[in-house]
Amino acid sequence: SSAMFGGRDLDELYVTSAYAGTGSPPTGRERPGYDFSANRGGQLYRVKVDVQGKREFETDFAWPR
C-alpha cells in the first residue's frame, strides 16, 4: 500500500491498496459463502483533504565517474 498527494493544488490524497493474503487456513469465523480466492487488493482511493502536499523535490544528481 502507498499514499501520495496529487491534483492541481496537491490537496487530494491518493491511496493504493495491496493484499497478499494471510497464508493461514480458514478459521471457521468467516461468514458463510466467503470467497477466499477473491481479489482483495489493487484498489485506488482518492480523498479531498484540507491540507496541501509538497511538490516532489527535484535534484541535479549525478554519480561520480
PDB file of N, CA and C in Angstrom:
ATOM      1  N   SER A   1       0.841  -1.182   0.000  1.00  0.00           N
ATOM      2  CA  SER A   1       0.000   0.000   0.000  1.00  0.00           C
ATOM      3  C   SER A   1       0.881   1.238   0.000  1.00  0.00           C
ATOM      4  N   SER A   2       0.323   2.308  -0.536  1.00  0.00           N
ATOM      5  CA  SER A   2       1.097   3.540  -0.635  1.00  0.00           C
ATOM      6  C   SER A   2       0.152   4.732  -0.644  1.00  0.00           C
ATOM      7  N   ALA A   3       0.674   5.893  -0.257  1.00  0.00           N
ATOM      8  CA  ALA A   3      -0.118   7.126  -0.273  1.00  0.00           C
ATOM      9  C   ALA A   3       0.725   8.255  -0.846  1.00  0.00           C
ATOM     10  N   MET A   4       0.069   9.155  -1.597  1.00  0.00           N
ATOM     11  CA  MET A   4       0.764  10.343  -2.097  1.00  0.00           C
ATOM     12  C   MET A   4      -0.260  11.418  -2.422  1.00  0.00           C
ATOM     13  N   PHE A   5       0.207  12.670  -2.418  1.00  0.00           N
ATOM     14  CA  PHE A   5      -0.654  13.791  -2.754  1.00  0.00           C
ATOM     15  C   PHE A   5      -0.672  13.991  -4.258  1.00  0.00           C
ATOM     16  N   GLY A   6      -1.795  14.505  -4.761  1.00  0.00           N
ATOM     17  CA  GLY A   6      -1.922  14.788  -6.173  1.00  0.00           C
ATOM     18  C   GLY A   6      -2.974  15.851  -6.399  1.00  0.00           C
ATOM     19  N   GLY A   7      -3.374  15.997  -7.643  1.00  0.00           N
ATOM     20  CA  GLY A   7      -4.336  17.028  -8.001  1.00  0.00           C
ATOM     21  C   GLY A   7      -3.627  18.337  -8.304  1.00  0.00           C
ATOM     22  N   ARG A   8      -4.344  19.250  -8.919  1.00  0.00           N
ATOM     23  CA  ARG A   8      -3.763  20.536  -9.324  1.00  0.00           C
ATOM     24  C   ARG A   8      -3.132  21.271  -8.152  1.00  0.00           C
ATOM     25  N   ASP A   9      -3.801  21.287  -6.997  1.00  0.00           N
ATOM     26  CA  ASP A   9      -3.304  22.017  -5.827  1.00  0.00           C
ATOM     27  C   ASP A   9      -2.689  21.100  -4.769  1.00  0.00           C
ATOM     28  N   LEU A  10      -2.424  19.854  -5.140  1.00  0.00           N
ATOM     29  CA  LEU A  10      -1.868  18.858  -4.209  1.00  0.00           C
ATOM     30  C   LEU A  10      -2.714  18.732  -2.948  1.00  0.00           C
ATOM     31  N   ASP A  11      -4.040  18.824  -3.116  1.00  0.00           N
ATOM     32  CA  ASP A  11      -4.946  18.702  -1.979  1.00  0.00           C
ATOM     33  C   ASP A  11      -5.831  17.458  -2.097  1.00  0.00           C
ATOM     34  N   GLU A  12      -5.370  16.502  -2.873  1.00  0.00           N
ATOM     35  CA  GLU A  12      -6.038  15.211  -2.990  1.00  0.00           C
ATOM     36  C   GLU A  12      -5.059  14.136  -2.547  1.00  0.00           C
ATOM     37  N   LEU A  13      -5.524  13.245  -1.716  1.00  0.00           N
ATOM     38  CA  LEU A  13      -4.681  12.157  -1.230  1.00  0.00           C
ATOM     39  C   LEU A  13      -5.062  10.897  -1.992  1.00  0.00           C
ATOM     40  N   TYR A  14      -4.096  10.288  -2.646  1.00  0.00           N
ATOM     41  CA  TYR A  14      -4.301   9.044  -3.383  1.00  0.00           C
ATOM     42  C   TYR A  14      -3.692   7.905  -2.577  1.00  0.00           C
ATOM     43  N   VAL A  15      -4.469   6.852  -2.396  1.00  0.00           N
ATOM     44  CA  VAL A  15      -4.006   5.704  -1.616  1.00  0.00           C
ATOM     45  C   VAL A  15      -4.242   4.446  -2.439  1.00  0.00           C
ATOM     46  N   THR A  16      -3.200   3.659  -2.634  1.00  0.00           N
ATOM     47  CA  THR A  16      -3.348   2.359  -3.286  1.00  0.00           C
ATOM     48  C   THR A  16      -3.405   1.291  -2.211  1.00  0.00           C
ATOM     49  N   SER A  17      -4.068   0.200  -2.528  1.00  0.00           N
ATOM     50  CA  SER A  17      -4.159  -0.890  -1.560  1.00  0.00           C
ATOM     51  C   SER A  17      -3.455  -2.122  -2.109  1.00  0.00           C
ATOM     52  N   ALA A  18      -2.977  -2.937  -1.210  1.00  0.00           N
ATOM     53  CA  ALA A  18      -2.321  -4.185  -1.583  1.00  0.00           C
ATOM     54  C   ALA A  18      -2.755  -5.259  -0.601  1.00  0.00           C
ATOM     55  N   TYR A  19      -2.802  -6.483  -1.076  1.00  0.00           N
ATOM     56  CA  TYR A  19      -3.190  -7.583  -0.208  1.00  0.00           C
ATOM     57  C   TYR A  19      -2.506  -8.834  -0.708  1.00  0.00           C
ATOM     58  N   ALA A  20      -1.784  -9.485   0.145  1.00  0.00           N
ATOM     59  CA  ALA A  20      -1.103 -10.717  -0.241  1.00  0.00           C
ATOM     60  C   ALA A  20      -1.725 -11.927   0.431  1.00  0.00           C
ATOM     61  N   GLY A  21      -2.770 -11.733   1.208  1.00  0.00           N
ATOM     62  CA  GLY A  21      -3.389 -12.850   1.917  1.00  0.00           C
ATOM     63  C   GLY A  21      -2.622 -13.178   3.177  1.00  0.00           C
ATOM     64  N   THR A  22      -3.240 -13.953   4.027  1.00  0.00           N
ATOM     65  CA  THR A  22      -2.590 -14.288   5.288  1.00  0.00           C
ATOM     66  C   THR A  22      -1.789 -15.569   5.187  1.00  0.00           C
ATOM     67  N   GLY A  23      -2.132 -16.402   4.217  1.00  0.00           N
ATOM     68  CA  GLY A  23      -1.464 -17.686   4.113  1.00  0.00           C
ATOM     69  C   GLY A  23      -1.962 -18.682   5.142  1.00  0.00           C
ATOM     70  N   SER A  24      -2.907 -18.256   5.964  1.00  0.00           N
ATOM     71  CA  SER A  24      -3.455 -19.128   7.009  1.00  0.00           C
ATOM     72  C   SER A  24      -4.697 -19.845   6.502  1.00  0.00           C
ATOM     73  N   PRO A  25      -4.928 -21.036   6.969  1.00  0.00           N
ATOM     74  CA  PRO A  25      -6.156 -21.734   6.588  1.00  0.00           C
ATOM     75  C   PRO A  25      -7.367 -21.057   7.228  1.00  0.00           C
ATOM     76  N   PRO A  26      -8.567 -21.310   6.705  1.00  0.00           N
ATOM     77  CA  PRO A  26      -9.776 -20.731   7.294  1.00  0.00           C
ATOM     78  C   PRO A  26      -9.882 -21.054   8.784  1.00  0.00           C
ATOM     79  N   THR A  27     -10.441 -20.125   9.540  1.00  0.00           N
ATOM     80  CA  THR A  27     -10.563 -20.297  10.993  1.00  0.00           C
ATOM     81  C   THR A  27     -11.936 -20.784  11.415  1.00  0.00           C
ATOM     82  N   GLY A  28     -12.907 -20.724  10.485  1.00  0.00           N
ATOM     83  CA  GLY A  28     -14.271 -21.084  10.848  1.00  0.00           C
ATOM     84  C   GLY A  28     -15.081 -19.871  11.285  1.00  0.00           C
ATOM     85  N   ARG A  29     -14.430 -18.716  11.410  1.00  0.00           N
ATOM     86  CA  ARG A  29     -15.143 -17.492  11.807  1.00  0.00           C
ATOM     87  C   ARG A  29     -15.584 -16.673  10.598  1.00  0.00           C
ATOM     88  N   GLU A  30     -15.241 -17.113   9.397  1.00  0.00           N
ATOM     89  CA  GLU A  30     -15.614 -16.377   8.194  1.00  0.00           C
ATOM     90  C   GLU A  30     -17.121 -16.514   7.952  1.00  0.00           C
ATOM     91  N   ARG A  31     -17.702 -15.482   7.348  1.00  0.00           N
ATOM     92  CA  ARG A  31     -19.139 -15.540   7.064  1.00  0.00           C
ATOM     93  C   ARG A  31     -19.412 -16.628   6.022  1.00  0.00           C
ATOM     94  N   PRO A  32     -20.600 -17.197   6.017  1.00  0.00           N
ATOM     95  CA  PRO A  32     -20.945 -18.222   5.023  1.00  0.00           C
ATOM     96  C   PRO A  32     -20.806 -17.666   3.606  1.00  0.00           C
ATOM     97  N   GLY A  33     -20.232 -18.438   2.734  1.00  0.00           N
ATOM     98  CA  GLY A  33     -20.051 -18.033   1.352  1.00  0.00           C
ATOM     99  C   GLY A  33     -18.840 -17.145   1.116  1.00  0.00           C
ATOM    100  N   TYR A  34     -17.991 -16.976   2.126  1.00  0.00           N
ATOM    101  CA  TYR A  34     -16.795 -16.139   1.989  1.00  0.00           C
ATOM    102  C   TYR A  34     -15.920 -16.688   0.872  1.00  0.00           C
ATOM    103  N   ASP A  35     -15.522 -15.837  -0.064  1.00  0.00           N
ATOM    104  CA  ASP A  35     -14.728 -16.263  -1.214  1.00  0.00           C
ATOM    105  C   ASP A  35     -13.246 -16.016  -0.935  1.00  0.00           C
ATOM    106  N   PHE A  36     -12.526 -17.070  -0.599  1.00  0.00           N
ATOM    107  CA  PHE A  36     -11.109 -16.943  -0.259  1.00  0.00           C
ATOM    108  C   PHE A  36     -10.243 -16.622  -1.473  1.00  0.00           C
ATOM    109  N   SER A  37     -10.744 -16.864  -2.677  1.00  0.00           N
ATOM    110  CA  SER A  37      -9.941 -16.616  -3.874  1.00  0.00           C
ATOM    111  C   SER A  37     -10.218 -15.240  -4.487  1.00  0.00           C
ATOM    112  N   ALA A  38     -11.085 -14.441  -3.882  1.00  0.00           N
ATOM    113  CA  ALA A  38     -11.436 -13.128  -4.438  1.00  0.00           C
ATOM    114  C   ALA A  38     -10.265 -12.151  -4.340  1.00  0.00           C
ATOM    115  N   ASN A  39     -10.223 -11.219  -5.274  1.00  0.00           N
ATOM    116  CA  ASN A  39      -9.206 -10.167  -5.264  1.00  0.00           C
ATOM    117  C   ASN A  39      -9.440  -9.256  -4.066  1.00  0.00           C
ATOM    118  N   ARG A  40      -8.397  -8.991  -3.309  1.00  0.00           N
ATOM    119  CA  ARG A  40      -8.521  -8.135  -2.129  1.00  0.00           C
ATOM    120  C   ARG A  40      -7.547  -6.952  -2.179  1.00  0.00           C
ATOM    121  N   GLY A  41      -7.027  -6.654  -3.337  1.00  0.00           N
ATOM    122  CA  GLY A  41      -6.065  -5.559  -3.423  1.00  0.00           C
ATOM    123  C   GLY A  41      -6.083  -4.899  -4.779  1.00  0.00           C
ATOM    124  N   GLY A  42      -5.300  -3.854  -4.893  1.00  0.00           N
ATOM    125  CA  GLY A  42      -5.162  -3.170  -6.157  1.00  0.00           C
ATOM    126  C   GLY A  42      -6.101  -1.992  -6.349  1.00  0.00           C
ATOM    127  N   GLN A  43      -6.898  -1.658  -5.353  1.00  0.00           N
ATOM    128  CA  GLN A  43      -7.800  -0.531  -5.498  1.00  0.00           C
ATOM    129  C   GLN A  43      -7.044   0.791  -5.352  1.00  0.00           C
ATOM    130  N   LEU A  44      -7.609   1.833  -5.927  1.00  0.00           N
ATOM    131  CA  LEU A  44      -7.064   3.183  -5.801  1.00  0.00           C
ATOM    132  C   LEU A  44      -8.152   4.058  -5.204  1.00  0.00           C
ATOM    133  N   TYR A  45      -7.821   4.746  -4.116  1.00  0.00           N
ATOM    134  CA  TYR A  45      -8.761   5.634  -3.446  1.00  0.00           C
ATOM    135  C   TYR A  45      -8.261   7.064  -3.579  1.00  0.00           C
ATOM    136  N   ARG A  46      -9.201   8.005  -3.734  1.00  0.00           N
ATOM    137  CA  ARG A  46      -8.861   9.427  -3.797  1.00  0.00           C
ATOM    138  C   ARG A  46      -9.732  10.160  -2.798  1.00  0.00           C
ATOM    139  N   VAL A  47      -9.091  10.974  -1.954  1.00  0.00           N
ATOM    140  CA  VAL A  47      -9.802  11.721  -0.922  1.00  0.00           C
ATOM    141  C   VAL A  47      -9.365  13.178  -0.998  1.00  0.00           C
ATOM    142  N   LYS A  48     -10.326  14.089  -1.043  1.00  0.00           N
ATOM    143  CA  LYS A  48     -10.020  15.528  -0.978  1.00  0.00           C
ATOM    144  C   LYS A  48      -9.721  15.860   0.475  1.00  0.00           C
ATOM    145  N   VAL A  49      -8.580  16.499   0.742  1.00  0.00           N
ATOM    146  CA  VAL A  49      -8.158  16.770   2.120  1.00  0.00           C
ATOM    147  C   VAL A  49      -7.972  18.270   2.338  1.00  0.00           C
ATOM    148  N   ASP A  50      -7.934  18.668   3.611  1.00  0.00           N
ATOM    149  CA  ASP A  50      -7.798  20.080   3.983  1.00  0.00           C
ATOM    150  C   ASP A  50      -6.346  20.509   4.174  1.00  0.00           C
ATOM    151  N   VAL A  51      -5.420  19.686   3.747  1.00  0.00           N
ATOM    152  CA  VAL A  51      -4.002  20.033   3.821  1.00  0.00           C
ATOM    153  C   VAL A  51      -3.430  19.940   2.412  1.00  0.00           C
ATOM    154  N   GLN A  52      -2.301  20.573   2.216  1.00  0.00           N
ATOM    155  CA  GLN A  52      -1.686  20.562   0.899  1.00  0.00           C
ATOM    156  C   GLN A  52      -0.349  19.837   0.964  1.00  0.00           C
ATOM    157  N   GLY A  53      -0.142  18.924   0.023  1.00  0.00           N
ATOM    158  CA  GLY A  53       1.128  18.218  -0.054  1.00  0.00           C
ATOM    159  C   GLY A  53       2.210  19.119  -0.623  1.00  0.00           C
ATOM    160  N   LYS A  54       3.406  18.607  -0.674  1.00  0.00           N
ATOM    161  CA  LYS A  54       4.537  19.356  -1.227  1.00  0.00           C
ATOM    162  C   LYS A  54       4.919  18.758  -2.571  1.00  0.00           C
ATOM    163  N   ARG A  55       5.361  19.606  -3.454  1.00  0.00           N
ATOM    164  CA  ARG A  55       5.825  19.131  -4.760  1.00  0.00           C
ATOM    165  C   ARG A  55       7.048  18.240  -4.576  1.00  0.00           C
ATOM    166  N   GLU A  56       7.251  17.353  -5.531  1.00  0.00           N
ATOM    167  CA  GLU A  56       8.405  16.457  -5.482  1.00  0.00           C
ATOM    168  C   GLU A  56       9.695  17.269  -5.531  1.00  0.00           C
ATOM    169  N   PHE A  57      10.634  16.918  -4.669  1.00  0.00           N
ATOM    170  CA  PHE A  57      11.929  17.594  -4.647  1.00  0.00           C
ATOM    171  C   PHE A  57      12.737  17.127  -5.848  1.00  0.00           C
ATOM    172  N   GLU A  58      13.160  18.069  -6.654  1.00  0.00           N
ATOM    173  CA  GLU A  58      13.970  17.726  -7.818  1.00  0.00           C
ATOM    174  C   GLU A  58      15.422  18.077  -7.538  1.00  0.00           C
ATOM    175  N   THR A  59      16.295  17.220  -7.982  1.00  0.00           N
ATOM    176  CA  THR A  59      17.720  17.438  -7.758  1.00  0.00           C
ATOM    177  C   THR A  59      18.487  17.215  -9.054  1.00  0.00           C
ATOM    178  N   ASP A  60      19.634  17.781  -9.121  1.00  0.00           N
ATOM    179  CA  ASP A  60      20.513  17.585 -10.272  1.00  0.00           C
ATOM    180  C   ASP A  60      21.636  16.663  -9.816  1.00  0.00           C
ATOM    181  N   PHE A  61      21.299  15.404  -9.625  1.00  0.00           N
ATOM    182  CA  PHE A  61      22.225  14.429  -9.061  1.00  0.00           C
ATOM    183  C   PHE A  61      22.918  13.664 -10.177  1.00  0.00           C
ATOM    184  N   ALA A  62      24.213  13.428 -10.005  1.00  0.00           N
ATOM    185  CA  ALA A  62      24.960  12.598 -10.947  1.00  0.00           C
ATOM    186  C   ALA A  62      25.944  11.747 -10.154  1.00  0.00           C
ATOM    187  N   TRP A  63      26.073  10.492 -10.535  1.00  0.00           N
ATOM    188  CA  TRP A  63      27.045   9.606  -9.890  1.00  0.00           C
ATOM    189  C   TRP A  63      28.455  10.047 -10.261  1.00  0.00           C
ATOM    190  N   PRO A  64      29.400   9.995  -9.332  1.00  0.00           N
ATOM    191  CA  PRO A  64      30.784  10.344  -9.665  1.00  0.00           C
ATOM    192  C   PRO A  64      31.346   9.345 -10.673  1.00  0.00           C
ATOM    193  N   ARG A  65      32.217   9.824 -11.515  1.00  0.00           N
ATOM    194  CA  ARG A  65      32.829   8.937 -12.526  1.00  0.00           C
ATOM    195  C   ARG A  65      34.117   8.379 -12.043  1.00  0.00           C
TER     196      ARG A  65
END
